Amino acid sequence: MRTAYQYKLLPNKEQIATIQLWLELLRRQYNYRLGERFSWWSENRCPVNACP
C-alpha cells in the first residue's frame, strides 16, 4: 500500500523571503558546480567514474 502525505505550507512574508534567498543560493551553487564539471570534462575529455 502506497501512502503519500502532502503538507500545505503557509509561510509568512519573512519566511517567504528566507525561502527565496535559500533557493537562489542553491540555484547559483548548483549552476557553478555544473559549470565546473563541464569545464573539467572539456579540458580532460575522459569519462568520470566513481571507481577509477
PDB file of N, CA and C in Angstrom:
ATOM      1  N   MET A   1       0.837  -1.175   0.000  1.00  0.00           N
ATOM      2  CA  MET A   1       0.000   0.000   0.000  1.00  0.00           C
ATOM      3  C   MET A   1       0.888   1.247   0.000  1.00  0.00           C
ATOM      4  N   ARG A   2       0.638   2.117  -0.924  1.00  0.00           N
ATOM      5  CA  ARG A   2       1.388   3.370  -1.006  1.00  0.00           C
ATOM      6  C   ARG A   2       0.664   4.447  -0.217  1.00  0.00           C
ATOM      7  N   THR A   3       1.436   5.157   0.549  1.00  0.00           N
ATOM      8  CA  THR A   3       0.875   6.264   1.310  1.00  0.00           C
ATOM      9  C   THR A   3       1.749   7.488   1.073  1.00  0.00           C
ATOM     10  N   ALA A   4       1.150   8.553   0.679  1.00  0.00           N
ATOM     11  CA  ALA A   4       1.881   9.795   0.445  1.00  0.00           C
ATOM     12  C   ALA A   4       1.169  10.920   1.188  1.00  0.00           C
ATOM     13  N   TYR A   5       1.950  11.681   1.889  1.00  0.00           N
ATOM     14  CA  TYR A   5       1.395  12.808   2.616  1.00  0.00           C
ATOM     15  C   TYR A   5       1.832  14.099   1.955  1.00  0.00           C
ATOM     16  N   GLN A   6       0.943  15.014   1.838  1.00  0.00           N
ATOM     17  CA  GLN A   6       1.260  16.335   1.316  1.00  0.00           C
ATOM     18  C   GLN A   6       0.860  17.356   2.364  1.00  0.00           C
ATOM     19  N   TYR A   7       1.786  18.259   2.628  1.00  0.00           N
ATOM     20  CA  TYR A   7       1.533  19.295   3.609  1.00  0.00           C
ATOM     21  C   TYR A   7       1.516  20.646   2.915  1.00  0.00           C
ATOM     22  N   LYS A   8       0.547  21.430   3.213  1.00  0.00           N
ATOM     23  CA  LYS A   8       0.440  22.749   2.627  1.00  0.00           C
ATOM     24  C   LYS A   8       1.178  23.739   3.527  1.00  0.00           C
ATOM     25  N   LEU A   9       2.160  24.427   2.953  1.00  0.00           N
ATOM     26  CA  LEU A   9       2.905  25.418   3.714  1.00  0.00           C
ATOM     27  C   LEU A   9       2.207  26.767   3.633  1.00  0.00           C
ATOM     28  N   LEU A  10       2.140  27.424   4.738  1.00  0.00           N
ATOM     29  CA  LEU A  10       1.562  28.760   4.789  1.00  0.00           C
ATOM     30  C   LEU A  10       2.577  29.712   5.449  1.00  0.00           C
ATOM     31  N   PRO A  11       3.667  30.013   4.728  1.00  0.00           N
ATOM     32  CA  PRO A  11       4.692  30.865   5.323  1.00  0.00           C
ATOM     33  C   PRO A  11       4.267  32.333   5.346  1.00  0.00           C
ATOM     34  N   ASN A  12       4.803  33.052   6.319  1.00  0.00           N
ATOM     35  CA  ASN A  12       4.553  34.489   6.355  1.00  0.00           C
ATOM     36  C   ASN A  12       5.561  35.185   5.435  1.00  0.00           C
ATOM     37  N   LYS A  13       5.504  36.489   5.341  1.00  0.00           N
ATOM     38  CA  LYS A  13       6.349  37.217   4.391  1.00  0.00           C
ATOM     39  C   LYS A  13       7.838  37.042   4.694  1.00  0.00           C
ATOM     40  N   GLU A  14       8.198  37.026   5.960  1.00  0.00           N
ATOM     41  CA  GLU A  14       9.601  36.850   6.335  1.00  0.00           C
ATOM     42  C   GLU A  14      10.097  35.461   5.934  1.00  0.00           C
ATOM     43  N   GLN A  15       9.288  34.454   6.150  1.00  0.00           N
ATOM     44  CA  GLN A  15       9.664  33.092   5.782  1.00  0.00           C
ATOM     45  C   GLN A  15       9.743  32.932   4.267  1.00  0.00           C
ATOM     46  N   ILE A  16       8.855  33.580   3.542  1.00  0.00           N
ATOM     47  CA  ILE A  16       8.902  33.539   2.077  1.00  0.00           C
ATOM     48  C   ILE A  16      10.217  34.139   1.582  1.00  0.00           C
ATOM     49  N   ALA A  17      10.621  35.256   2.164  1.00  0.00           N
ATOM     50  CA  ALA A  17      11.874  35.896   1.765  1.00  0.00           C
ATOM     51  C   ALA A  17      13.058  34.984   2.059  1.00  0.00           C
ATOM     52  N   THR A  18      13.052  34.317   3.202  1.00  0.00           N
ATOM     53  CA  THR A  18      14.135  33.405   3.562  1.00  0.00           C
ATOM     54  C   THR A  18      14.187  32.213   2.607  1.00  0.00           C
ATOM     55  N   ILE A  19      13.036  31.653   2.297  1.00  0.00           N
ATOM     56  CA  ILE A  19      12.970  30.512   1.380  1.00  0.00           C
ATOM     57  C   ILE A  19      13.469  30.918  -0.005  1.00  0.00           C
ATOM     58  N   GLN A  20      13.056  32.085  -0.477  1.00  0.00           N
ATOM     59  CA  GLN A  20      13.507  32.550  -1.792  1.00  0.00           C
ATOM     60  C   GLN A  20      15.011  32.778  -1.807  1.00  0.00           C
ATOM     61  N   LEU A  21      15.561  33.311  -0.718  1.00  0.00           N
ATOM     62  CA  LEU A  21      17.009  33.511  -0.629  1.00  0.00           C
ATOM     63  C   LEU A  21      17.742  32.178  -0.697  1.00  0.00           C
ATOM     64  N   TRP A  22      17.270  31.198   0.072  1.00  0.00           N
ATOM     65  CA  TRP A  22      17.900  29.879   0.065  1.00  0.00           C
ATOM     66  C   TRP A  22      17.824  29.233  -1.316  1.00  0.00           C
ATOM     67  N   LEU A  23      16.675  29.331  -1.963  1.00  0.00           N
ATOM     68  CA  LEU A  23      16.546  28.737  -3.297  1.00  0.00           C
ATOM     69  C   LEU A  23      17.473  29.405  -4.302  1.00  0.00           C
ATOM     70  N   GLU A  24      17.628  30.711  -4.208  1.00  0.00           N
ATOM     71  CA  GLU A  24      18.540  31.432  -5.103  1.00  0.00           C
ATOM     72  C   GLU A  24      19.984  31.000  -4.862  1.00  0.00           C
ATOM     73  N   LEU A  25      20.380  30.884  -3.590  1.00  0.00           N
ATOM     74  CA  LEU A  25      21.739  30.451  -3.272  1.00  0.00           C
ATOM     75  C   LEU A  25      21.996  29.027  -3.751  1.00  0.00           C
ATOM     76  N   LEU A  26      21.017  28.148  -3.570  1.00  0.00           N
ATOM     77  CA  LEU A  26      21.163  26.771  -4.032  1.00  0.00           C
ATOM     78  C   LEU A  26      21.232  26.692  -5.547  1.00  0.00           C
ATOM     79  N   ARG A  27      20.444  27.502  -6.240  1.00  0.00           N
ATOM     80  CA  ARG A  27      20.471  27.517  -7.707  1.00  0.00           C
ATOM     81  C   ARG A  27      21.837  27.960  -8.207  1.00  0.00           C
ATOM     82  N   ARG A  28      22.383  29.019  -7.606  1.00  0.00           N
ATOM     83  CA  ARG A  28      23.701  29.509  -8.023  1.00  0.00           C
ATOM     84  C   ARG A  28      24.788  28.476  -7.751  1.00  0.00           C
ATOM     85  N   GLN A  29      24.723  27.820  -6.596  1.00  0.00           N
ATOM     86  CA  GLN A  29      25.713  26.793  -6.247  1.00  0.00           C
ATOM     87  C   GLN A  29      25.648  25.633  -7.232  1.00  0.00           C
ATOM     88  N   TYR A  30      24.441  25.179  -7.544  1.00  0.00           N
ATOM     89  CA  TYR A  30      24.265  24.075  -8.483  1.00  0.00           C
ATOM     90  C   TYR A  30      24.842  24.440  -9.858  1.00  0.00           C
ATOM     91  N   ASN A  31      24.501  25.626 -10.355  1.00  0.00           N
ATOM     92  CA  ASN A  31      24.989  26.045 -11.667  1.00  0.00           C
ATOM     93  C   ASN A  31      26.499  26.214 -11.679  1.00  0.00           C
ATOM     94  N   TYR A  32      27.075  26.712 -10.589  1.00  0.00           N
ATOM     95  CA  TYR A  32      28.530  26.875 -10.509  1.00  0.00           C
ATOM     96  C   TYR A  32      29.213  25.511 -10.574  1.00  0.00           C
ATOM     97  N   ARG A  33      28.723  24.556  -9.785  1.00  0.00           N
ATOM     98  CA  ARG A  33      29.322  23.211  -9.781  1.00  0.00           C
ATOM     99  C   ARG A  33      29.113  22.506 -11.121  1.00  0.00           C
ATOM    100  N   LEU A  34      27.974  22.718 -11.744  1.00  0.00           N
ATOM    101  CA  LEU A  34      27.734  22.129 -13.056  1.00  0.00           C
ATOM    102  C   LEU A  34      28.697  22.713 -14.083  1.00  0.00           C
ATOM    103  N   GLY A  35      28.926  24.007 -14.015  1.00  0.00           N
ATOM    104  CA  GLY A  35      29.892  24.644 -14.901  1.00  0.00           C
ATOM    105  C   GLY A  35      31.299  24.125 -14.674  1.00  0.00           C
ATOM    106  N   GLU A  36      31.680  23.901 -13.409  1.00  0.00           N
ATOM    107  CA  GLU A  36      32.990  23.317 -13.104  1.00  0.00           C
ATOM    108  C   GLU A  36      33.123  21.938 -13.727  1.00  0.00           C
ATOM    109  N   ARG A  37      32.074  21.157 -13.610  1.00  0.00           N
ATOM    110  CA  ARG A  37      32.105  19.792 -14.148  1.00  0.00           C
ATOM    111  C   ARG A  37      32.256  19.804 -15.675  1.00  0.00           C
ATOM    112  N   PHE A  38      31.506  20.671 -16.355  1.00  0.00           N
ATOM    113  CA  PHE A  38      31.603  20.751 -17.810  1.00  0.00           C
ATOM    114  C   PHE A  38      32.977  21.251 -18.249  1.00  0.00           C
ATOM    115  N   SER A  39      33.515  22.228 -17.547  1.00  0.00           N
ATOM    116  CA  SER A  39      34.828  22.742 -17.936  1.00  0.00           C
ATOM    117  C   SER A  39      35.915  21.696 -17.685  1.00  0.00           C
ATOM    118  N   TRP A  40      35.802  20.938 -16.588  1.00  0.00           N
ATOM    119  CA  TRP A  40      36.776  19.880 -16.326  1.00  0.00           C
ATOM    120  C   TRP A  40      36.709  18.826 -17.422  1.00  0.00           C
ATOM    121  N   TRP A  41      35.489  18.467 -17.812  1.00  0.00           N
ATOM    122  CA  TRP A  41      35.336  17.441 -18.837  1.00  0.00           C
ATOM    123  C   TRP A  41      35.887  17.915 -20.175  1.00  0.00           C
ATOM    124  N   SER A  42      35.645  19.188 -20.513  1.00  0.00           N
ATOM    125  CA  SER A  42      36.132  19.691 -21.802  1.00  0.00           C
ATOM    126  C   SER A  42      37.662  19.782 -21.811  1.00  0.00           C
ATOM    127  N   GLU A  43      38.276  19.990 -20.665  1.00  0.00           N
ATOM    128  CA  GLU A  43      39.744  20.021 -20.595  1.00  0.00           C
ATOM    129  C   GLU A  43      40.342  18.622 -20.630  1.00  0.00           C
ATOM    130  N   ASN A  44      39.706  17.659 -19.980  1.00  0.00           N
ATOM    131  CA  ASN A  44      40.295  16.326 -19.837  1.00  0.00           C
ATOM    132  C   ASN A  44      39.740  15.299 -20.819  1.00  0.00           C
ATOM    133  N   ARG A  45      38.531  15.463 -21.263  1.00  0.00           N
ATOM    134  CA  ARG A  45      37.875  14.569 -22.229  1.00  0.00           C
ATOM    135  C   ARG A  45      37.944  13.094 -21.825  1.00  0.00           C
ATOM    136  N   CYS A  46      37.711  12.823 -20.555  1.00  0.00           N
ATOM    137  CA  CYS A  46      37.631  11.430 -20.135  1.00  0.00           C
ATOM    138  C   CYS A  46      36.397  11.280 -19.264  1.00  0.00           C
ATOM    139  N   PRO A  47      35.766  10.117 -19.293  1.00  0.00           N
ATOM    140  CA  PRO A  47      34.552   9.936 -18.509  1.00  0.00           C
ATOM    141  C   PRO A  47      34.848   9.927 -17.010  1.00  0.00           C
ATOM    142  N   VAL A  48      33.914  10.405 -16.245  1.00  0.00           N
ATOM    143  CA  VAL A  48      34.045  10.404 -14.789  1.00  0.00           C
ATOM    144  C   VAL A  48      33.498   9.085 -14.286  1.00  0.00           C
ATOM    145  N   ASN A  49      34.297   8.385 -13.494  1.00  0.00           N
ATOM    146  CA  ASN A  49      33.894   7.101 -12.950  1.00  0.00           C
ATOM    147  C   ASN A  49      34.026   7.167 -11.435  1.00  0.00           C
ATOM    148  N   ALA A  50      33.097   6.574 -10.742  1.00  0.00           N
ATOM    149  CA  ALA A  50      33.142   6.596  -9.285  1.00  0.00           C
ATOM    150  C   ALA A  50      34.313   5.768  -8.752  1.00  0.00           C
ATOM    151  N   CYS A  51      34.746   4.785  -9.505  1.00  0.00           N
ATOM    152  CA  CYS A  51      35.845   3.915  -9.080  1.00  0.00           C
ATOM    153  C   CYS A  51      36.956   3.939 -10.129  1.00  0.00           C
ATOM    154  N   PRO A  52      37.923   4.825  -9.999  1.00  0.00           N
ATOM    155  CA  PRO A  52      38.983   4.915 -11.027  1.00  0.00           C
ATOM    156  C   PRO A  52      39.901   3.721 -11.059  1.00  0.00           C
TER     157      PRO A  52
END
